[in-house]
Amino acid sequence: TLVDRAAAACQHIAVDLCRGTGYNYTSMPNLVGHDTQA
């Protein structure tokens, strides 16, 4: 269940600065508490 939740939480990176950094998926909230990529 935890693995399924982690997979479901992964989303394609939509931030222009972070495209091409070596990984393509991220999850929210991030390490500073933002709930969305926007």
Full PDB file with SEQRES, HELIX, SHEET, SSBOND, CRYST1, ORIGX, SCALE, CONECT and MASTER records, all heavy atoms in Angstrom:
SEQRES   1 A   38  THR LEU VAL ASP ARG ALA ALA ALA ALA CYS GLN HIS ILE          
SEQRES   2 A   38  ALA VAL ASP LEU CYS ARG GLY THR GLY TYR ASN TYR THR          
SEQRES   3 A   38  SER MET PRO ASN LEU VAL GLY HIS ASP THR GLN ALA              
HELIX    1 AA1 LEU A    2  ALA A    9  1                                   8    
HELIX    2 AA2 ASP A   16  CYS A   18  5                                   3    
CRYST1    1.000    1.000    1.000  90.00  90.00  90.00 P 1           1          
ORIGX1      1.000000  0.000000  0.000000        0.00000                         
ORIGX2      0.000000  1.000000  0.000000        0.00000                         
ORIGX3      0.000000  0.000000  1.000000        0.00000                         
SCALE1      1.000000  0.000000  0.000000        0.00000                         
SCALE2      0.000000  1.000000  0.000000        0.00000                         
SCALE3      0.000000  0.000000  1.000000        0.00000                         
ATOM      1  N   THR A   1       0.828  -1.213   0.000  1.00  0.00           N  
ATOM      2  CA  THR A   1       0.000   0.000   0.000  1.00  0.00           C  
ATOM      3  C   THR A   1       0.860   1.259   0.000  1.00  0.00           C  
ATOM      4  O   THR A   1       0.583   2.221  -0.720  1.00  0.00           O  
ATOM      5  CB  THR A   1      -0.929   0.005   1.226  1.00  0.00           C  
ATOM      6  OG1 THR A   1      -1.746  -1.169   1.187  1.00  0.00           O  
ATOM      7  CG2 THR A   1      -1.804   1.246   1.231  1.00  0.00           C  
ATOM      8  N   LEU A   2       1.932   1.249   0.812  1.00  0.00           N  
ATOM      9  CA  LEU A   2       2.821   2.405   0.863  1.00  0.00           C  
ATOM     10  C   LEU A   2       3.502   2.638  -0.466  1.00  0.00           C  
ATOM     11  O   LEU A   2       3.660   3.778  -0.919  1.00  0.00           O  
ATOM     12  CB  LEU A   2       3.867   2.219   1.974  1.00  0.00           C  
ATOM     13  CG  LEU A   2       3.323   2.258   3.409  1.00  0.00           C  
ATOM     14  CD1 LEU A   2       4.450   1.945   4.393  1.00  0.00           C  
ATOM     15  CD2 LEU A   2       2.700   3.613   3.728  1.00  0.00           C  
ATOM     16  N   VAL A   3       3.939   1.547  -1.123  1.00  0.00           N  
ATOM     17  CA  VAL A   3       4.578   1.675  -2.426  1.00  0.00           C  
ATOM     18  C   VAL A   3       3.600   2.223  -3.447  1.00  0.00           C  
ATOM     19  O   VAL A   3       3.933   3.081  -4.276  1.00  0.00           O  
ATOM     20  CB  VAL A   3       5.152   0.308  -2.874  1.00  0.00           C  
ATOM     21  CG1 VAL A   3       5.625   0.393  -4.326  1.00  0.00           C  
ATOM     22  CG2 VAL A   3       6.297  -0.102  -1.970  1.00  0.00           C  
ATOM     23  N   ASP A   4       2.356   1.722  -3.414  1.00  0.00           N  
ATOM     24  CA  ASP A   4       1.342   2.206  -4.352  1.00  0.00           C  
ATOM     25  C   ASP A   4       1.068   3.690  -4.133  1.00  0.00           C  
ATOM     26  O   ASP A   4       0.910   4.459  -5.084  1.00  0.00           O  
ATOM     27  CB  ASP A   4       0.042   1.413  -4.197  1.00  0.00           C  
ATOM     28  CG  ASP A   4       0.200  -0.034  -4.680  1.00  0.00           C  
ATOM     29  OD1 ASP A   4       1.146  -0.278  -5.455  1.00  0.00           O  
ATOM     30  OD2 ASP A   4      -0.608  -0.890  -4.277  1.00  0.00           O  
ATOM     31  N   ARG A   5       1.028   4.115  -2.867  1.00  0.00           N  
ATOM     32  CA  ARG A   5       0.794   5.526  -2.578  1.00  0.00           C  
ATOM     33  C   ARG A   5       1.951   6.379  -3.070  1.00  0.00           C  
ATOM     34  O   ARG A   5       1.757   7.474  -3.598  1.00  0.00           O  
ATOM     35  CB  ARG A   5       0.601   5.730  -1.079  1.00  0.00           C  
ATOM     36  CG  ARG A   5      -0.737   5.202  -0.556  1.00  0.00           C  
ATOM     37  CD  ARG A   5      -0.855   5.441   0.939  1.00  0.00           C  
ATOM     38  NE  ARG A   5      -2.133   4.951   1.441  1.00  0.00           N  
ATOM     39  CZ  ARG A   5      -2.475   4.960   2.723  1.00  0.00           C  
ATOM     40  NH1 ARG A   5      -1.624   5.449   3.624  1.00  0.00           N  
ATOM     41  NH2 ARG A   5      -3.652   4.500   3.100  1.00  0.00           N  
ATOM     42  N   ALA A   6       3.179   5.881  -2.857  1.00  0.00           N  
ATOM     43  CA  ALA A   6       4.348   6.641  -3.314  1.00  0.00           C  
ATOM     44  C   ALA A   6       4.340   6.768  -4.824  1.00  0.00           C  
ATOM     45  O   ALA A   6       4.661   7.829  -5.384  1.00  0.00           O  
ATOM     46  CB  ALA A   6       5.640   5.955  -2.847  1.00  0.00           C  
ATOM     47  N   ALA A   7       3.978   5.684  -5.516  1.00  0.00           N  
ATOM     48  CA  ALA A   7       3.932   5.731  -6.979  1.00  0.00           C  
ATOM     49  C   ALA A   7       2.857   6.697  -7.456  1.00  0.00           C  
ATOM     50  O   ALA A   7       3.024   7.427  -8.426  1.00  0.00           O  
ATOM     51  CB  ALA A   7       3.683   4.332  -7.533  1.00  0.00           C  
ATOM     52  N   ALA A   8       1.712   6.691  -6.758  1.00  0.00           N  
ATOM     53  CA  ALA A   8       0.621   7.579  -7.149  1.00  0.00           C  
ATOM     54  C   ALA A   8       0.973   9.038  -6.886  1.00  0.00           C  
ATOM     55  O   ALA A   8       0.496   9.939  -7.576  1.00  0.00           O  
ATOM     56  CB  ALA A   8      -0.651   7.204  -6.402  1.00  0.00           C  
ATOM     57  N   ALA A   9       1.798   9.291  -5.857  1.00  0.00           N  
ATOM     58  CA  ALA A   9       2.150  10.665  -5.521  1.00  0.00           C  
ATOM     59  C   ALA A   9       3.169  11.244  -6.471  1.00  0.00           C  
ATOM     60  O   ALA A   9       3.302  12.462  -6.566  1.00  0.00           O  
ATOM     61  CB  ALA A   9       2.676  10.730  -4.086  1.00  0.00           C  
ATOM     62  N   CYS A  10       3.923  10.412  -7.162  1.00  0.00           N  
ATOM     63  CA  CYS A  10       4.936  10.910  -8.098  1.00  0.00           C  
ATOM     64  C   CYS A  10       4.258  11.605  -9.269  1.00  0.00           C  
ATOM     65  O   CYS A  10       3.247  11.132  -9.792  1.00  0.00           O  
ATOM     66  CB  CYS A  10       5.803   9.761  -8.604  1.00  0.00           C  
ATOM     67  SG  CYS A  10       6.896   9.040  -7.341  1.00  0.00           S  
ATOM     68  N   GLN A  11       4.819  12.726  -9.670  1.00  0.00           N  
ATOM     69  CA  GLN A  11       4.279  13.502 -10.781  1.00  0.00           C  
ATOM     70  C   GLN A  11       5.409  14.061 -11.610  1.00  0.00           C  
ATOM     71  O   GLN A  11       6.511  14.292 -11.122  1.00  0.00           O  
ATOM     72  CB  GLN A  11       3.398  14.631 -10.248  1.00  0.00           C  
ATOM     73  CG  GLN A  11       4.053  15.462  -9.166  1.00  0.00           C  
ATOM     74  CD  GLN A  11       3.109  16.421  -8.491  1.00  0.00           C  
ATOM     75  OE1 GLN A  11       2.961  17.571  -8.926  1.00  0.00           O  
ATOM     76  NE2 GLN A  11       2.466  15.970  -7.416  1.00  0.00           N  
ATOM     77  N   HIS A  12       5.145  14.245 -12.894  1.00  0.00           N  
ATOM     78  CA  HIS A  12       6.156  14.799 -13.788  1.00  0.00           C  
ATOM     79  C   HIS A  12       6.548  16.205 -13.334  1.00  0.00           C  
ATOM     80  O   HIS A  12       5.696  16.989 -12.887  1.00  0.00           O  
ATOM     81  CB  HIS A  12       5.629  14.855 -15.224  1.00  0.00           C  
ATOM     82  CG  HIS A  12       5.714  13.541 -15.937  1.00  0.00           C  
ATOM     83  ND1 HIS A  12       6.886  13.047 -16.463  1.00  0.00           N  
ATOM     84  CD2 HIS A  12       4.757  12.610 -16.189  1.00  0.00           C  
ATOM     85  CE1 HIS A  12       6.655  11.869 -17.033  1.00  0.00           C  
ATOM     86  NE2 HIS A  12       5.368  11.571 -16.878  1.00  0.00           N  
ATOM     87  N   ILE A  13       7.821  16.526 -13.471  1.00  0.00           N  
ATOM     88  CA  ILE A  13       8.307  17.852 -13.082  1.00  0.00           C  
ATOM     89  C   ILE A  13       7.796  18.878 -14.074  1.00  0.00           C  
ATOM     90  O   ILE A  13       8.023  18.761 -15.288  1.00  0.00           O  
ATOM     91  CB  ILE A  13       9.844  17.870 -13.011  1.00  0.00           C  
ATOM     92  CG1 ILE A  13      10.325  16.955 -11.881  1.00  0.00           C  
ATOM     93  CG2 ILE A  13      10.366  19.292 -12.808  1.00  0.00           C  
ATOM     94  CD1 ILE A  13      11.830  16.861 -11.766  1.00  0.00           C  
ATOM     95  N   ALA A  14       7.110  19.899 -13.573  1.00  0.00           N  
ATOM     96  CA  ALA A  14       6.550  20.950 -14.417  1.00  0.00           C  
ATOM     97  C   ALA A  14       7.293  22.278 -14.273  1.00  0.00           C  
ATOM     98  O   ALA A  14       6.953  23.245 -14.951  1.00  0.00           O  
ATOM     99  CB  ALA A  14       5.070  21.159 -14.083  1.00  0.00           C  
ATOM    100  N   VAL A  15       8.285  22.335 -13.406  1.00  0.00           N  
ATOM    101  CA  VAL A  15       9.048  23.569 -13.176  1.00  0.00           C  
ATOM    102  C   VAL A  15      10.168  23.653 -14.208  1.00  0.00           C  
ATOM    103  O   VAL A  15      10.990  22.735 -14.322  1.00  0.00           O  
ATOM    104  CB  VAL A  15       9.623  23.597 -11.747  1.00  0.00           C  
ATOM    105  CG1 VAL A  15      10.427  24.865 -11.528  1.00  0.00           C  
ATOM    106  CG2 VAL A  15       8.504  23.482 -10.723  1.00  0.00           C  
ATOM    107  N   ASP A  16      10.214  24.748 -14.958  1.00  0.00           N  
ATOM    108  CA  ASP A  16      11.186  24.871 -16.054  1.00  0.00           C  
ATOM    109  C   ASP A  16      12.632  24.767 -15.568  1.00  0.00           C  
ATOM    110  O   ASP A  16      13.467  24.134 -16.212  1.00  0.00           O  
ATOM    111  CB  ASP A  16      10.988  26.207 -16.778  1.00  0.00           C  
ATOM    112  CG  ASP A  16       9.665  26.253 -17.536  1.00  0.00           C  
ATOM    113  OD1 ASP A  16       9.152  25.171 -17.879  1.00  0.00           O  
ATOM    114  OD2 ASP A  16       9.146  27.366 -17.766  1.00  0.00           O  
ATOM    115  N   LEU A  17      12.937  25.394 -14.431  1.00  0.00           N  
ATOM    116  CA  LEU A  17      14.306  25.384 -13.917  1.00  0.00           C  
ATOM    117  C   LEU A  17      14.792  23.982 -13.617  1.00  0.00           C  
ATOM    118  O   LEU A  17      15.993  23.699 -13.731  1.00  0.00           O  
ATOM    119  CB  LEU A  17      14.384  26.258 -12.658  1.00  0.00           C  
ATOM    120  CG  LEU A  17      15.736  26.299 -11.931  1.00  0.00           C  
ATOM    121  CD1 LEU A  17      16.792  26.954 -12.814  1.00  0.00           C  
ATOM    122  CD2 LEU A  17      15.625  27.040 -10.606  1.00  0.00           C  
ATOM    123  N   CYS A  18      13.873  23.087 -13.249  1.00  0.00           N  
ATOM    124  CA  CYS A  18      14.258  21.768 -12.767  1.00  0.00           C  
ATOM    125  C   CYS A  18      14.113  20.669 -13.817  1.00  0.00           C  
ATOM    126  O   CYS A  18      14.269  19.492 -13.495  1.00  0.00           O  
ATOM    127  CB  CYS A  18      13.429  21.414 -11.535  1.00  0.00           C  
ATOM    128  SG  CYS A  18      13.613  22.607 -10.179  1.00  0.00           S  
ATOM    129  N   ARG A  19      13.799  21.024 -15.029  1.00  0.00           N  
ATOM    130  CA  ARG A  19      13.762  20.018 -16.083  1.00  0.00           C  
ATOM    131  C   ARG A  19      15.171  19.742 -16.572  1.00  0.00           C  
ATOM    132  O   ARG A  19      15.952  20.644 -16.804  1.00  0.00           O  
ATOM    133  CB  ARG A  19      12.891  20.500 -17.243  1.00  0.00           C  
ATOM    134  CG  ARG A  19      11.399  20.522 -16.896  1.00  0.00           C  
ATOM    135  CD  ARG A  19      10.587  21.142 -17.999  1.00  0.00           C  
ATOM    136  NE  ARG A  19       9.157  21.136 -17.699  1.00  0.00           N  
ATOM    137  CZ  ARG A  19       8.244  21.755 -18.411  1.00  0.00           C  
ATOM    138  NH1 ARG A  19       8.606  22.450 -19.483  1.00  0.00           N  
ATOM    139  NH2 ARG A  19       6.967  21.702 -18.060  1.00  0.00           N  
ATOM    140  N   GLY A  20      15.491  18.479 -16.735  1.00  0.00           N  
ATOM    141  CA  GLY A  20      16.827  18.097 -17.168  1.00  0.00           C  
ATOM    142  C   GLY A  20      17.839  18.064 -16.059  1.00  0.00           C  
ATOM    143  O   GLY A  20      19.051  18.147 -16.308  1.00  0.00           O  
ATOM    144  N   THR A  21      17.396  17.927 -14.817  1.00  0.00           N  
ATOM    145  CA  THR A  21      18.324  17.863 -13.688  1.00  0.00           C  
ATOM    146  C   THR A  21      18.834  16.457 -13.418  1.00  0.00           C  
ATOM    147  O   THR A  21      19.673  16.272 -12.543  1.00  0.00           O  
ATOM    148  CB  THR A  21      17.637  18.389 -12.414  1.00  0.00           C  
ATOM    149  OG1 THR A  21      16.414  17.669 -12.212  1.00  0.00           O  
ATOM    150  CG2 THR A  21      17.323  19.865 -12.530  1.00  0.00           C  
ATOM    151  N   GLY A  22      18.327  15.455 -14.142  1.00  0.00           N  
ATOM    152  CA  GLY A  22      18.765  14.077 -13.921  1.00  0.00           C  
ATOM    153  C   GLY A  22      17.661  13.181 -13.416  1.00  0.00           C  
ATOM    154  O   GLY A  22      17.824  11.961 -13.353  1.00  0.00           O  
ATOM    155  N   TYR A  23      16.520  13.757 -13.028  1.00  0.00           N  
ATOM    156  CA  TYR A  23      15.358  12.967 -12.633  1.00  0.00           C  
ATOM    157  C   TYR A  23      14.111  13.681 -13.157  1.00  0.00           C  
ATOM    158  O   TYR A  23      14.105  14.896 -13.349  1.00  0.00           O  
ATOM    159  CB  TYR A  23      15.297  12.776 -11.115  1.00  0.00           C  
ATOM    160  CG  TYR A  23      15.251  14.043 -10.307  1.00  0.00           C  
ATOM    161  CD1 TYR A  23      14.038  14.601  -9.902  1.00  0.00           C  
ATOM    162  CD2 TYR A  23      16.421  14.695  -9.922  1.00  0.00           C  
ATOM    163  CE1 TYR A  23      13.986  15.763  -9.156  1.00  0.00           C  
ATOM    164  CE2 TYR A  23      16.379  15.860  -9.177  1.00  0.00           C  
ATOM    165  CZ  TYR A  23      15.166  16.385  -8.790  1.00  0.00           C  
ATOM    166  OH  TYR A  23      15.114  17.538  -8.058  1.00  0.00           O  
ATOM    167  N   ASN A  24      13.081  12.896 -13.402  1.00  0.00           N  
ATOM    168  CA  ASN A  24      11.900  13.421 -14.089  1.00  0.00           C  
ATOM    169  C   ASN A  24      10.652  13.495 -13.227  1.00  0.00           C  
ATOM    170  O   ASN A  24       9.645  14.070 -13.653  1.00  0.00           O  
ATOM    171  CB  ASN A  24      11.580  12.572 -15.322  1.00  0.00           C  
ATOM    172  CG  ASN A  24      12.720  12.559 -16.319  1.00  0.00           C  
ATOM    173  OD1 ASN A  24      13.355  13.585 -16.559  1.00  0.00           O  
ATOM    174  ND2 ASN A  24      12.997  11.399 -16.903  1.00  0.00           N  
ATOM    175  N   TYR A  25      10.684  12.898 -12.020  1.00  0.00           N  
ATOM    176  CA  TYR A  25       9.495  12.849 -11.183  1.00  0.00           C  
ATOM    177  C   TYR A  25       9.757  13.491  -9.827  1.00  0.00           C  
ATOM    178  O   TYR A  25      10.853  13.401  -9.274  1.00  0.00           O  
ATOM    179  CB  TYR A  25       9.038  11.396 -10.982  1.00  0.00           C  
ATOM    180  CG  TYR A  25       8.564  10.740 -12.267  1.00  0.00           C  
ATOM    181  CD1 TYR A  25       9.442  10.025 -13.064  1.00  0.00           C  
ATOM    182  CD2 TYR A  25       7.232  10.841 -12.675  1.00  0.00           C  
ATOM    183  CE1 TYR A  25       9.022   9.434 -14.240  1.00  0.00           C  
ATOM    184  CE2 TYR A  25       6.800  10.244 -13.840  1.00  0.00           C  
ATOM    185  CZ  TYR A  25       7.693   9.544 -14.626  1.00  0.00           C  
ATOM    186  OH  TYR A  25       7.270   8.955 -15.790  1.00  0.00           O  
ATOM    187  N   THR A  26       8.727  14.119  -9.307  1.00  0.00           N  
ATOM    188  CA  THR A  26       8.782  14.727  -7.988  1.00  0.00           C  
ATOM    189  C   THR A  26       7.485  14.436  -7.255  1.00  0.00           C  
ATOM    190  O   THR A  26       6.560  13.839  -7.827  1.00  0.00           O  
ATOM    191  CB  THR A  26       8.998  16.251  -8.077  1.00  0.00           C  
ATOM    192  OG1 THR A  26       9.181  16.779  -6.778  1.00  0.00           O  
ATOM    193  CG2 THR A  26       7.805  16.940  -8.736  1.00  0.00           C  
ATOM    194  N   SER A  27       7.424  14.864  -6.009  1.00  0.00           N  
ATOM    195  CA  SER A  27       6.208  14.678  -5.218  1.00  0.00           C  
ATOM    196  C   SER A  27       6.025  15.883  -4.307  1.00  0.00           C  
ATOM    197  O   SER A  27       6.988  16.538  -3.920  1.00  0.00           O  
ATOM    198  CB  SER A  27       6.268  13.392  -4.391  1.00  0.00           C  
ATOM    199  OG  SER A  27       7.336  13.447  -3.450  1.00  0.00           O  
ATOM    200  N   MET A  28       4.796  16.155  -3.999  1.00  0.00           N  
ATOM    201  CA  MET A  28       4.444  17.254  -3.120  1.00  0.00           C  
ATOM    202  C   MET A  28       3.659  16.708  -1.919  1.00  0.00           C  
ATOM    203  O   MET A  28       2.925  15.716  -2.066  1.00  0.00           O  
ATOM    204  CB  MET A  28       3.605  18.290  -3.880  1.00  0.00           C  
ATOM    205  CG  MET A  28       4.380  19.002  -4.971  1.00  0.00           C  
ATOM    206  SD  MET A  28       5.618  20.136  -4.293  1.00  0.00           S  
ATOM    207  CE  MET A  28       6.838  20.156  -5.618  1.00  0.00           C  
ATOM    208  N   PRO A  29       3.806  17.315  -0.735  1.00  0.00           N  
ATOM    209  CA  PRO A  29       4.562  18.545  -0.455  1.00  0.00           C  
ATOM    210  C   PRO A  29       6.070  18.323  -0.518  1.00  0.00           C  
ATOM    211  O   PRO A  29       6.559  17.216  -0.287  1.00  0.00           O  
ATOM    212  CB  PRO A  29       4.097  18.914   0.949  1.00  0.00           C  
ATOM    213  CG  PRO A  29       3.684  17.617   1.566  1.00  0.00           C  
ATOM    214  CD  PRO A  29       3.089  16.808   0.464  1.00  0.00           C  
ATOM    215  N   ASN A  30       6.794  19.405  -0.820  1.00  0.00           N  
ATOM    216  CA  ASN A  30       8.244  19.311  -0.918  1.00  0.00           C  
ATOM    217  C   ASN A  30       8.881  19.467   0.459  1.00  0.00           C  
ATOM    218  O   ASN A  30       8.192  19.417   1.484  1.00  0.00           O  
ATOM    219  CB  ASN A  30       8.774  20.354  -1.907  1.00  0.00           C  
ATOM    220  CG  ASN A  30       8.398  21.779  -1.496  1.00  0.00           C  
ATOM    221  OD1 ASN A  30       8.021  22.042  -0.358  1.00  0.00           O  
ATOM    222  ND2 ASN A  30       8.502  22.706  -2.439  1.00  0.00           N  
ATOM    223  N   LEU A  31      10.189  19.687   0.489  1.00  0.00           N  
ATOM    224  CA  LEU A  31      10.915  19.715   1.756  1.00  0.00           C  
ATOM    225  C   LEU A  31      10.695  20.997   2.563  1.00  0.00           C  
ATOM    226  O   LEU A  31      11.127  21.073   3.713  1.00  0.00           O  
ATOM    227  CB  LEU A  31      12.414  19.529   1.489  1.00  0.00           C  
ATOM    228  CG  LEU A  31      12.812  18.233   0.778  1.00  0.00           C  
ATOM    229  CD1 LEU A  31      14.321  18.124   0.672  1.00  0.00           C  
ATOM    230  CD2 LEU A  31      12.236  17.017   1.487  1.00  0.00           C  
ATOM    231  N   VAL A  32      10.051  21.985   1.966  1.00  0.00           N  
ATOM    232  CA  VAL A  32       9.772  23.227   2.698  1.00  0.00           C  
ATOM    233  C   VAL A  32       8.283  23.445   2.895  1.00  0.00           C  
ATOM    234  O   VAL A  32       7.870  24.502   3.379  1.00  0.00           O  
ATOM    235  CB  VAL A  32      10.395  24.443   1.968  1.00  0.00           C  
ATOM    236  CG1 VAL A  32      11.898  24.335   1.938  1.00  0.00           C  
ATOM    237  CG2 VAL A  32       9.835  24.578   0.562  1.00  0.00           C  
ATOM    238  N   GLY A  33       7.461  22.464   2.510  1.00  0.00           N  
ATOM    239  CA  GLY A  33       6.033  22.531   2.815  1.00  0.00           C  
ATOM    240  C   GLY A  33       5.134  23.008   1.702  1.00  0.00           C  
ATOM    241  O   GLY A  33       3.924  23.180   1.926  1.00  0.00           O  
ATOM    242  N   HIS A  34       5.656  23.253   0.498  1.00  0.00           N  
ATOM    243  CA  HIS A  34       4.797  23.659  -0.609  1.00  0.00           C  
ATOM    244  C   HIS A  34       3.935  22.478  -1.049  1.00  0.00           C  
ATOM    245  O   HIS A  34       4.429  21.356  -1.195  1.00  0.00           O  
ATOM    246  CB  HIS A  34       5.629  24.154  -1.797  1.00  0.00           C  
ATOM    247  CG  HIS A  34       6.338  25.430  -1.517  1.00  0.00           C  
ATOM    248  ND1 HIS A  34       7.599  25.722  -2.017  1.00  0.00           N  
ATOM    249  CD2 HIS A  34       5.988  26.500  -0.771  1.00  0.00           C  
ATOM    250  CE1 HIS A  34       7.973  26.909  -1.612  1.00  0.00           C  
ATOM    251  NE2 HIS A  34       7.015  27.398  -0.840  1.00  0.00           N  
ATOM    252  N   ASP A  35       2.651  22.739  -1.298  1.00  0.00           N  
ATOM    253  CA  ASP A  35       1.720  21.679  -1.670  1.00  0.00           C  
ATOM    254  C   ASP A  35       1.626  21.463  -3.170  1.00  0.00           C  
ATOM    255  O   ASP A  35       1.176  20.407  -3.616  1.00  0.00           O  
ATOM    256  CB  ASP A  35       0.314  21.986  -1.132  1.00  0.00           C  
ATOM    257  CG  ASP A  35       0.266  21.962   0.394  1.00  0.00           C  
ATOM    258  OD1 ASP A  35       0.972  21.119   0.982  1.00  0.00           O  
ATOM    259  OD2 ASP A  35      -0.460  22.779   0.985  1.00  0.00           O  
ATOM    260  N   THR A  36       2.030  22.450  -3.967  1.00  0.00           N  
ATOM    261  CA  THR A  36       1.947  22.330  -5.418  1.00  0.00           C  
ATOM    262  C   THR A  36       3.259  22.762  -6.057  1.00  0.00           C  
ATOM    263  O   THR A  36       4.041  23.520  -5.466  1.00  0.00           O  
ATOM    264  CB  THR A  36       0.802  23.196  -5.979  1.00  0.00           C  
ATOM    265  OG1 THR A  36       1.095  24.585  -5.733  1.00  0.00           O  
ATOM    266  CG2 THR A  36      -0.535  22.822  -5.326  1.00  0.00           C  
ATOM    267  N   GLN A  37       3.470  22.296  -7.289  1.00  0.00           N  
ATOM    268  CA  GLN A  37       4.659  22.710  -8.013  1.00  0.00           C  
ATOM    269  C   GLN A  37       4.599  24.191  -8.376  1.00  0.00           C  
ATOM    270  O   GLN A  37       5.638  24.842  -8.515  1.00  0.00           O  
ATOM    271  CB  GLN A  37       4.827  21.867  -9.278  1.00  0.00           C  
ATOM    272  CG  GLN A  37       5.181  20.411  -9.019  1.00  0.00           C  
ATOM    273  CD  GLN A  37       5.673  19.703 -10.261  1.00  0.00           C  
ATOM    274  OE1 GLN A  37       6.613  20.149 -10.915  1.00  0.00           O  
ATOM    275  NE2 GLN A  37       5.026  18.585 -10.600  1.00  0.00           N  
ATOM    276  N   ALA A  38       3.387  24.730  -8.535  1.00  0.00           N  
ATOM    277  CA  ALA A  38       3.251  26.158  -8.841  1.00  0.00           C  
ATOM    278  C   ALA A  38       3.800  27.011  -7.698  1.00  0.00           C  
ATOM    279  O   ALA A  38       4.471  28.023  -7.929  1.00  0.00           O  
ATOM    280  CB  ALA A  38       1.786  26.493  -9.113  1.00  0.00           C  
TER     281      ALA A  38                                                      
MASTER        0    0    0    2    0    0    0    6  280    1    0    3          
END                                                                             
